[in-house]
């Protein structure tokens, strides 16, 4: 009787552990993709729409295609409605980081599904023999390039 209860419990709820494992795995994928888009792609920042608008206006005005009064009215409406509106600005920021993260999630799952699984010893050998020398090359090369072209990302002179 007791073995039937235990086996009945195991057959009814055997997939719960599996589901929680995959939820945790895909949750970590989403978290890593969001952090990657924040750290390496600028997060919620997108192309400044006023710069794009001014660029298009300069091109159209050079060829004589834009009426100045129409552009001025449209520009004032655009600036009031889209740029100075915090709700729309927050919506655009949220959509931007969501789009960047979604692209990374798609690429992550696509690469994961396309390539076969590699064993742990193959992964460690790849990391030690390929990725570590590339890391050291970047650590040495990038400061040399920045110093040789006198490009300093901060305003403090080190030498």
N, C-alpha and C. Protein backbone atom coordinates (compact mmCIF):
# COMPACT_ATOMS: atom_id res chain seq x y z
N UNK A 1 0.82 -1.19 0.00
CA UNK A 1 0.00 0.00 0.00
C UNK A 1 0.87 1.26 0.00
N UNK A 2 1.91 1.24 0.81
CA UNK A 2 2.77 2.40 0.88
C UNK A 2 3.55 2.62 -0.41
N UNK A 3 3.94 1.54 -1.08
CA UNK A 3 4.67 1.69 -2.35
C UNK A 3 3.77 2.28 -3.44
N UNK A 4 2.48 1.98 -3.38
CA UNK A 4 1.55 2.55 -4.36
C UNK A 4 1.40 4.05 -4.14
N UNK A 5 1.39 4.48 -2.89
CA UNK A 5 1.28 5.91 -2.62
C UNK A 5 2.52 6.65 -3.09
N UNK A 6 3.68 6.08 -2.84
CA UNK A 6 4.92 6.72 -3.25
C UNK A 6 5.03 6.74 -4.77
N UNK A 7 4.71 5.62 -5.42
CA UNK A 7 4.82 5.60 -6.87
C UNK A 7 3.75 6.49 -7.51
N UNK A 8 2.58 6.58 -6.90
CA UNK A 8 1.54 7.48 -7.42
C UNK A 8 1.96 8.93 -7.29
N UNK A 9 2.62 9.24 -6.20
CA UNK A 9 3.11 10.61 -6.01
C UNK A 9 4.20 10.94 -7.03
N UNK A 10 5.06 9.99 -7.30
CA UNK A 10 6.16 10.24 -8.23
C UNK A 10 5.66 10.37 -9.67
N UNK A 11 4.65 9.61 -10.03
CA UNK A 11 4.18 9.71 -11.41
C UNK A 11 3.35 10.97 -11.63
N UNK A 12 2.69 11.45 -10.61
CA UNK A 12 1.87 12.65 -10.79
C UNK A 12 2.71 13.91 -10.83
N UNK A 13 3.76 13.98 -10.04
CA UNK A 13 4.54 15.22 -9.91
C UNK A 13 6.00 15.04 -10.32
N UNK A 14 6.27 14.13 -11.22
CA UNK A 14 7.66 13.87 -11.59
C UNK A 14 8.24 14.98 -12.46
N UNK A 15 7.42 15.70 -13.19
CA UNK A 15 7.94 16.72 -14.11
C UNK A 15 8.12 18.08 -13.45
N UNK A 16 7.71 18.23 -12.20
CA UNK A 16 7.80 19.54 -11.55
C UNK A 16 9.26 19.97 -11.40
N UNK A 17 10.12 19.06 -11.02
CA UNK A 17 11.53 19.38 -10.87
C UNK A 17 12.12 19.76 -12.22
N UNK A 18 11.73 19.02 -13.26
CA UNK A 18 12.20 19.31 -14.61
C UNK A 18 11.73 20.68 -15.08
N UNK A 19 10.49 21.02 -14.80
CA UNK A 19 9.94 22.32 -15.19
C UNK A 19 10.66 23.45 -14.45
N UNK A 20 10.88 23.30 -13.16
CA UNK A 20 11.59 24.33 -12.41
C UNK A 20 13.03 24.50 -12.88
N UNK A 21 13.66 23.39 -13.26
CA UNK A 21 15.02 23.47 -13.80
C UNK A 21 15.04 24.28 -15.09
N UNK A 22 14.11 24.00 -16.00
CA UNK A 22 14.09 24.74 -17.26
C UNK A 22 13.64 26.18 -17.07
N UNK A 23 12.74 26.45 -16.13
CA UNK A 23 12.38 27.84 -15.83
C UNK A 23 13.58 28.62 -15.32
N UNK A 24 14.37 27.98 -14.45
CA UNK A 24 15.57 28.65 -13.94
C UNK A 24 16.59 28.86 -15.06
N UNK A 25 16.72 27.90 -15.95
CA UNK A 25 17.68 28.04 -17.04
C UNK A 25 17.29 29.15 -18.00
N UNK A 26 16.02 29.19 -18.39
CA UNK A 26 15.58 30.25 -19.30
C UNK A 26 15.50 31.60 -18.59
N UNK A 27 15.24 31.60 -17.31
CA UNK A 27 15.30 32.85 -16.55
C UNK A 27 16.71 33.42 -16.53
N UNK A 28 17.70 32.55 -16.39
CA UNK A 28 19.09 33.02 -16.43
C UNK A 28 19.47 33.50 -17.82
N UNK A 29 18.91 32.87 -18.86
CA UNK A 29 19.16 33.35 -20.23
C UNK A 29 18.61 34.76 -20.40
N UNK A 30 17.39 34.99 -19.94
CA UNK A 30 16.77 36.32 -20.05
C UNK A 30 17.58 37.34 -19.25
N UNK A 31 17.99 37.00 -18.04
CA UNK A 31 18.77 37.91 -17.21
C UNK A 31 20.11 38.25 -17.86
N UNK A 32 20.81 37.25 -18.40
CA UNK A 32 22.09 37.51 -19.03
C UNK A 32 21.93 38.36 -20.29
N UNK A 33 20.86 38.14 -21.05
CA UNK A 33 20.64 38.94 -22.26
C UNK A 33 20.28 40.38 -21.91
N UNK A 34 19.51 40.60 -20.86
CA UNK A 34 19.20 41.96 -20.43
C UNK A 34 20.47 42.66 -19.94
N UNK A 35 21.28 41.98 -19.15
CA UNK A 35 22.53 42.58 -18.68
C UNK A 35 23.49 42.86 -19.84
N UNK A 36 23.52 41.97 -20.83
CA UNK A 36 24.37 42.19 -21.99
C UNK A 36 23.92 43.41 -22.78
N UNK A 37 22.61 43.56 -22.94
CA UNK A 37 22.12 44.73 -23.69
C UNK A 37 22.34 46.02 -22.90
N UNK A 38 22.30 45.95 -21.58
CA UNK A 38 22.56 47.15 -20.78
C UNK A 38 24.04 47.51 -20.80
N UNK A 39 24.91 46.52 -20.62
CA UNK A 39 26.34 46.80 -20.50
C UNK A 39 27.03 47.08 -21.82
N UNK A 40 26.59 46.43 -22.91
CA UNK A 40 27.33 46.52 -24.16
C UNK A 40 26.60 47.23 -25.28
N UNK A 41 25.30 47.41 -25.18
CA UNK A 41 24.55 48.07 -26.25
C UNK A 41 23.91 49.37 -25.82
N UNK A 42 24.21 49.88 -24.65
CA UNK A 42 23.69 51.17 -24.23
C UNK A 42 22.37 51.10 -23.51
N UNK A 43 21.86 49.93 -23.22
CA UNK A 43 20.63 49.80 -22.43
C UNK A 43 19.42 50.40 -23.10
N UNK A 44 18.79 51.36 -22.44
CA UNK A 44 17.56 51.94 -22.94
C UNK A 44 17.81 53.05 -23.95
N UNK A 45 19.05 53.44 -24.18
CA UNK A 45 19.34 54.54 -25.09
C UNK A 45 19.17 54.09 -26.54
N UNK A 46 18.57 54.94 -27.32
CA UNK A 46 18.40 54.66 -28.74
C UNK A 46 18.93 55.84 -29.54
N UNK A 47 18.71 55.80 -30.82
CA UNK A 47 19.14 56.91 -31.67
C UNK A 47 18.30 58.13 -31.31
N UNK A 48 18.93 59.27 -31.17
CA UNK A 48 18.21 60.48 -30.85
C UNK A 48 17.35 60.87 -32.04
N UNK A 49 16.04 60.88 -31.85
CA UNK A 49 15.13 61.11 -32.96
C UNK A 49 15.20 62.54 -33.47
N UNK A 50 15.55 63.50 -32.60
CA UNK A 50 15.68 64.87 -33.08
C UNK A 50 16.87 65.02 -34.02
N UNK A 51 17.95 64.29 -33.76
CA UNK A 51 19.09 64.32 -34.68
C UNK A 51 18.72 63.74 -36.03
N UNK A 52 17.98 62.65 -36.03
CA UNK A 52 17.53 62.05 -37.29
C UNK A 52 16.61 63.01 -38.01
N UNK A 53 15.70 63.65 -37.27
CA UNK A 53 14.76 64.60 -37.86
C UNK A 53 15.51 65.79 -38.47
N UNK A 54 16.49 66.32 -37.76
CA UNK A 54 17.29 67.44 -38.29
C UNK A 54 18.11 67.03 -39.50
N UNK A 55 18.62 65.80 -39.51
CA UNK A 55 19.38 65.29 -40.65
C UNK A 55 18.50 65.19 -41.90
N UNK A 56 17.30 64.63 -41.72
CA UNK A 56 16.37 64.52 -42.85
C UNK A 56 15.98 65.91 -43.35
N UNK A 57 15.73 66.83 -42.41
CA UNK A 57 15.37 68.19 -42.81
C UNK A 57 16.50 68.86 -43.59
N UNK A 58 17.75 68.67 -43.15
CA UNK A 58 18.87 69.31 -43.86
C UNK A 58 19.00 68.76 -45.27
N UNK A 59 18.77 67.46 -45.44
CA UNK A 59 18.84 66.88 -46.79
C UNK A 59 17.72 67.42 -47.66
N UNK A 60 16.49 67.42 -47.11
CA UNK A 60 15.35 67.88 -47.91
C UNK A 60 15.40 69.37 -48.19
N UNK A 61 15.93 70.16 -47.27
CA UNK A 61 16.01 71.60 -47.51
C UNK A 61 17.10 71.94 -48.51
N UNK A 62 18.16 71.14 -48.58
CA UNK A 62 19.21 71.39 -49.57
C UNK A 62 18.75 71.15 -50.99
N UNK A 63 17.81 70.25 -51.17
CA UNK A 63 17.30 70.02 -52.53
C UNK A 63 16.04 70.84 -52.80
N UNK A 64 15.64 71.68 -51.84
CA UNK A 64 14.49 72.56 -52.04
C UNK A 64 13.16 71.86 -51.97
N UNK A 65 13.05 70.82 -51.15
CA UNK A 65 11.83 70.02 -51.11
C UNK A 65 10.92 70.37 -49.93
N UNK A 66 11.43 71.12 -48.94
CA UNK A 66 10.68 71.34 -47.71
C UNK A 66 10.20 72.78 -47.64
N UNK A 67 8.92 72.93 -47.33
CA UNK A 67 8.38 74.24 -47.03
C UNK A 67 8.70 74.56 -45.57
N UNK A 68 9.27 75.72 -45.29
CA UNK A 68 9.76 76.02 -43.95
C UNK A 68 8.62 76.11 -42.94
N UNK A 69 7.47 76.69 -43.30
CA UNK A 69 6.37 76.82 -42.35
C UNK A 69 5.80 75.47 -41.94
N UNK A 70 5.65 74.58 -42.91
CA UNK A 70 5.15 73.24 -42.59
C UNK A 70 6.13 72.50 -41.69
N UNK A 71 7.42 72.61 -42.01
CA UNK A 71 8.42 71.95 -41.18
C UNK A 71 8.43 72.50 -39.76
N UNK A 72 8.31 73.81 -39.62
CA UNK A 72 8.34 74.44 -38.30
C UNK A 72 7.16 73.99 -37.45
N UNK A 73 5.97 73.92 -38.05
CA UNK A 73 4.78 73.46 -37.32
C UNK A 73 4.94 72.00 -36.92
N UNK A 74 5.37 71.18 -37.87
CA UNK A 74 5.53 69.75 -37.59
C UNK A 74 6.62 69.51 -36.54
N UNK A 75 7.71 70.28 -36.61
CA UNK A 75 8.81 70.14 -35.66
C UNK A 75 8.36 70.51 -34.24
N UNK A 76 7.59 71.59 -34.11
CA UNK A 76 7.11 71.99 -32.78
C UNK A 76 6.15 70.95 -32.21
N UNK A 77 5.26 70.41 -33.06
CA UNK A 77 4.35 69.36 -32.59
C UNK A 77 5.11 68.12 -32.18
N UNK A 78 6.09 67.73 -32.98
CA UNK A 78 6.89 66.55 -32.69
C UNK A 78 7.65 66.72 -31.38
N UNK A 79 8.25 67.89 -31.20
CA UNK A 79 9.04 68.12 -29.99
C UNK A 79 8.15 68.14 -28.75
N UNK A 80 6.99 68.74 -28.84
CA UNK A 80 6.08 68.80 -27.68
C UNK A 80 5.50 67.43 -27.36
N UNK A 81 5.12 66.70 -28.38
CA UNK A 81 4.40 65.45 -28.13
C UNK A 81 5.33 64.30 -27.80
N UNK A 82 6.42 64.16 -28.54
CA UNK A 82 7.27 62.99 -28.36
C UNK A 82 8.45 63.23 -27.44
N UNK A 83 9.09 64.38 -27.51
CA UNK A 83 10.32 64.59 -26.75
C UNK A 83 10.03 65.02 -25.32
N UNK A 84 9.10 65.92 -25.12
CA UNK A 84 8.83 66.44 -23.78
C UNK A 84 7.79 65.63 -23.02
N UNK A 85 7.26 64.58 -23.58
CA UNK A 85 6.27 63.75 -22.92
C UNK A 85 6.98 62.59 -22.23
N UNK A 86 6.95 62.56 -20.91
CA UNK A 86 7.71 61.55 -20.18
C UNK A 86 7.12 60.16 -20.31
N UNK A 87 5.81 60.05 -20.51
CA UNK A 87 5.19 58.73 -20.65
C UNK A 87 5.63 58.09 -21.96
N UNK A 88 5.60 58.85 -23.04
CA UNK A 88 6.03 58.31 -24.33
C UNK A 88 7.53 58.05 -24.32
N UNK A 89 8.29 58.92 -23.65
CA UNK A 89 9.73 58.71 -23.55
C UNK A 89 10.04 57.41 -22.79
N UNK A 90 9.35 57.17 -21.70
CA UNK A 90 9.54 55.92 -20.97
C UNK A 90 9.13 54.71 -21.77
N UNK A 91 8.05 54.85 -22.55
CA UNK A 91 7.61 53.75 -23.41
C UNK A 91 8.65 53.45 -24.48
N UNK A 92 9.23 54.48 -25.06
CA UNK A 92 10.26 54.28 -26.07
C UNK A 92 11.49 53.63 -25.45
N UNK A 93 11.87 54.07 -24.24
CA UNK A 93 13.02 53.46 -23.55
C UNK A 93 12.76 51.98 -23.25
N UNK A 94 11.56 51.67 -22.77
CA UNK A 94 11.23 50.28 -22.48
C UNK A 94 11.23 49.42 -23.72
N UNK A 95 10.67 49.94 -24.80
CA UNK A 95 10.66 49.18 -26.06
C UNK A 95 12.07 48.99 -26.61
N UNK A 96 12.93 49.99 -26.40
CA UNK A 96 14.31 49.88 -26.89
C UNK A 96 15.07 48.79 -26.17
N UNK A 97 15.02 48.79 -24.85
CA UNK A 97 15.75 47.74 -24.12
C UNK A 97 15.09 46.38 -24.33
N UNK A 98 13.78 46.35 -24.50
CA UNK A 98 13.11 45.09 -24.80
C UNK A 98 13.50 44.53 -26.15
N UNK A 99 13.63 45.40 -27.15
CA UNK A 99 14.03 44.95 -28.48
C UNK A 99 15.47 44.44 -28.48
N UNK A 100 16.37 45.18 -27.82
CA UNK A 100 17.76 44.75 -27.75
C UNK A 100 17.88 43.41 -27.03
N UNK A 101 17.17 43.27 -25.92
CA UNK A 101 17.23 42.02 -25.16
C UNK A 101 16.60 40.87 -25.94
N UNK A 102 15.52 41.15 -26.65
CA UNK A 102 14.86 40.10 -27.44
C UNK A 102 15.75 39.60 -28.56
N UNK A 103 16.51 40.50 -29.16
CA UNK A 103 17.45 40.08 -30.20
C UNK A 103 18.50 39.15 -29.61
N UNK A 104 19.02 39.51 -28.43
CA UNK A 104 20.01 38.64 -27.79
C UNK A 104 19.41 37.30 -27.37
N UNK A 105 18.19 37.30 -26.87
CA UNK A 105 17.53 36.05 -26.47
C UNK A 105 17.34 35.16 -27.68
N UNK A 106 16.89 35.75 -28.80
CA UNK A 106 16.71 34.98 -30.03
C UNK A 106 18.03 34.36 -30.48
N UNK A 107 19.10 35.17 -30.50
CA UNK A 107 20.40 34.65 -30.92
C UNK A 107 20.91 33.57 -29.98
N UNK A 108 20.71 33.76 -28.68
CA UNK A 108 21.17 32.80 -27.69
C UNK A 108 20.48 31.45 -27.88
N UNK A 109 19.16 31.47 -28.01
CA UNK A 109 18.40 30.22 -28.17
C UNK A 109 18.67 29.60 -29.53
N UNK A 110 18.86 30.43 -30.55
CA UNK A 110 19.15 29.91 -31.88
C UNK A 110 20.50 29.19 -31.91
N UNK A 111 21.52 29.80 -31.34
CA UNK A 111 22.84 29.16 -31.29
C UNK A 111 22.79 27.91 -30.43
N UNK A 112 22.07 27.96 -29.33
CA UNK A 112 21.95 26.81 -28.44
C UNK A 112 21.26 25.63 -29.11
N UNK A 113 20.27 25.93 -29.93
CA UNK A 113 19.54 24.85 -30.61
C UNK A 113 20.29 24.35 -31.85
N UNK A 114 21.13 25.19 -32.43
CA UNK A 114 21.79 24.82 -33.69
C UNK A 114 23.00 23.93 -33.47
N UNK A 115 23.76 24.21 -32.45
CA UNK A 115 25.00 23.47 -32.25
C UNK A 115 24.78 22.31 -31.28
N UNK A 116 25.51 21.22 -31.50
CA UNK A 116 25.37 20.10 -30.57
C UNK A 116 25.97 20.42 -29.21
N UNK A 117 25.58 19.64 -28.25
CA UNK A 117 26.15 19.83 -26.91
C UNK A 117 27.61 19.43 -26.91
N UNK A 118 28.39 20.19 -26.18
CA UNK A 118 29.79 19.82 -26.03
C UNK A 118 30.00 19.37 -24.59
N UNK A 119 30.94 18.49 -24.43
CA UNK A 119 31.23 18.01 -23.09
C UNK A 119 31.96 19.07 -22.29
N UNK A 120 31.95 18.91 -20.98
CA UNK A 120 32.57 19.89 -20.10
C UNK A 120 34.07 19.98 -20.33
N UNK A 121 34.72 18.85 -20.58
CA UNK A 121 36.17 18.89 -20.80
C UNK A 121 36.48 19.59 -22.12
N UNK A 122 35.62 19.45 -23.15
CA UNK A 122 35.83 20.18 -24.40
C UNK A 122 35.64 21.68 -24.20
N UNK A 123 34.66 22.04 -23.39
CA UNK A 123 34.42 23.46 -23.11
C UNK A 123 35.60 24.07 -22.37
N UNK A 124 36.11 23.37 -21.37
CA UNK A 124 37.25 23.89 -20.61
C UNK A 124 38.50 23.98 -21.48
N UNK A 125 38.72 22.99 -22.35
CA UNK A 125 39.88 23.05 -23.24
C UNK A 125 39.75 24.22 -24.21
N UNK A 126 38.54 24.49 -24.71
CA UNK A 126 38.32 25.63 -25.60
C UNK A 126 38.57 26.95 -24.88
N UNK A 127 38.10 27.04 -23.63
CA UNK A 127 38.29 28.27 -22.87
C UNK A 127 39.77 28.52 -22.56
N UNK A 128 40.49 27.48 -22.19
CA UNK A 128 41.89 27.66 -21.83
C UNK A 128 42.78 27.88 -23.05
N UNK A 129 42.49 27.20 -24.15
CA UNK A 129 43.40 27.27 -25.30
C UNK A 129 43.04 28.35 -26.31
N UNK A 130 41.78 28.77 -26.35
CA UNK A 130 41.37 29.75 -27.36
C UNK A 130 40.98 31.08 -26.72
N UNK A 131 40.04 31.05 -25.78
CA UNK A 131 39.49 32.29 -25.25
C UNK A 131 40.47 33.04 -24.34
N UNK A 132 41.25 32.32 -23.55
CA UNK A 132 42.19 32.99 -22.66
C UNK A 132 43.29 33.74 -23.41
N UNK A 133 43.91 33.15 -24.46
CA UNK A 133 44.89 33.95 -25.23
C UNK A 133 44.26 35.16 -25.94
N UNK A 134 43.02 35.04 -26.39
CA UNK A 134 42.33 36.18 -27.00
C UNK A 134 42.12 37.27 -25.95
N UNK A 135 41.75 36.87 -24.74
CA UNK A 135 41.57 37.84 -23.66
C UNK A 135 42.86 38.58 -23.36
N UNK A 136 43.97 37.86 -23.26
CA UNK A 136 45.25 38.52 -23.00
C UNK A 136 45.66 39.44 -24.15
N UNK A 137 45.35 39.03 -25.37
CA UNK A 137 45.66 39.88 -26.52
C UNK A 137 44.85 41.18 -26.46
N UNK A 138 43.58 41.11 -26.09
CA UNK A 138 42.77 42.31 -25.94
C UNK A 138 43.27 43.18 -24.81
N UNK A 139 43.69 42.56 -23.69
CA UNK A 139 44.17 43.33 -22.55
C UNK A 139 45.44 44.10 -22.92
N UNK A 140 46.26 43.53 -23.77
CA UNK A 140 47.49 44.21 -24.17
C UNK A 140 47.25 45.16 -25.34
N UNK A 141 46.46 44.76 -26.32
CA UNK A 141 46.30 45.53 -27.56
C UNK A 141 45.47 46.79 -27.36
N UNK A 142 44.37 46.71 -26.65
CA UNK A 142 43.46 47.84 -26.54
C UNK A 142 44.11 49.06 -25.86
N UNK A 143 44.79 48.91 -24.73
CA UNK A 143 45.46 50.11 -24.18
C UNK A 143 46.56 50.64 -25.08
N UNK A 144 47.24 49.76 -25.80
CA UNK A 144 48.28 50.24 -26.73
C UNK A 144 47.67 51.07 -27.85
N UNK A 145 46.53 50.65 -28.38
CA UNK A 145 45.86 51.41 -29.43
C UNK A 145 45.37 52.74 -28.88
N UNK A 146 44.77 52.72 -27.70
CA UNK A 146 44.28 53.96 -27.10
C UNK A 146 45.42 54.93 -26.82
N UNK A 147 46.54 54.43 -26.35
CA UNK A 147 47.68 55.30 -26.05
C UNK A 147 48.32 55.83 -27.33
N UNK A 148 48.44 54.99 -28.34
CA UNK A 148 49.12 55.42 -29.57
C UNK A 148 48.32 56.47 -30.33
N UNK A 149 47.00 56.41 -30.28
CA UNK A 149 46.17 57.41 -30.94
C UNK A 149 45.73 58.53 -30.01
N UNK A 150 46.26 58.54 -28.79
CA UNK A 150 45.97 59.57 -27.80
C UNK A 150 44.46 59.67 -27.52
N UNK A 151 43.84 58.52 -27.41
CA UNK A 151 42.41 58.44 -27.11
C UNK A 151 42.27 58.01 -25.65
N UNK A 152 41.76 58.91 -24.83
CA UNK A 152 41.54 58.58 -23.43
C UNK A 152 40.05 58.71 -23.14
N UNK A 153 39.41 57.66 -22.65
CA UNK A 153 37.97 57.74 -22.40
C UNK A 153 37.63 58.61 -21.20
N UNK A 154 38.61 58.99 -20.39
CA UNK A 154 38.38 59.86 -19.24
C UNK A 154 39.33 61.05 -19.35
N UNK A 155 39.12 62.05 -18.55
CA UNK A 155 39.91 63.28 -18.63
C UNK A 155 41.09 63.29 -17.68
N UNK A 156 41.54 62.15 -17.24
CA UNK A 156 42.68 62.05 -16.33
C UNK A 156 43.88 61.54 -17.13
N UNK A 157 44.96 62.29 -17.13
CA UNK A 157 46.14 61.85 -17.83
C UNK A 157 46.97 60.95 -16.92
N UNK A 158 47.24 59.76 -17.38
CA UNK A 158 47.90 58.76 -16.55
C UNK A 158 49.40 58.93 -16.54
N UNK A 159 49.97 59.50 -17.59
CA UNK A 159 51.42 59.64 -17.65
C UNK A 159 51.82 61.09 -17.60
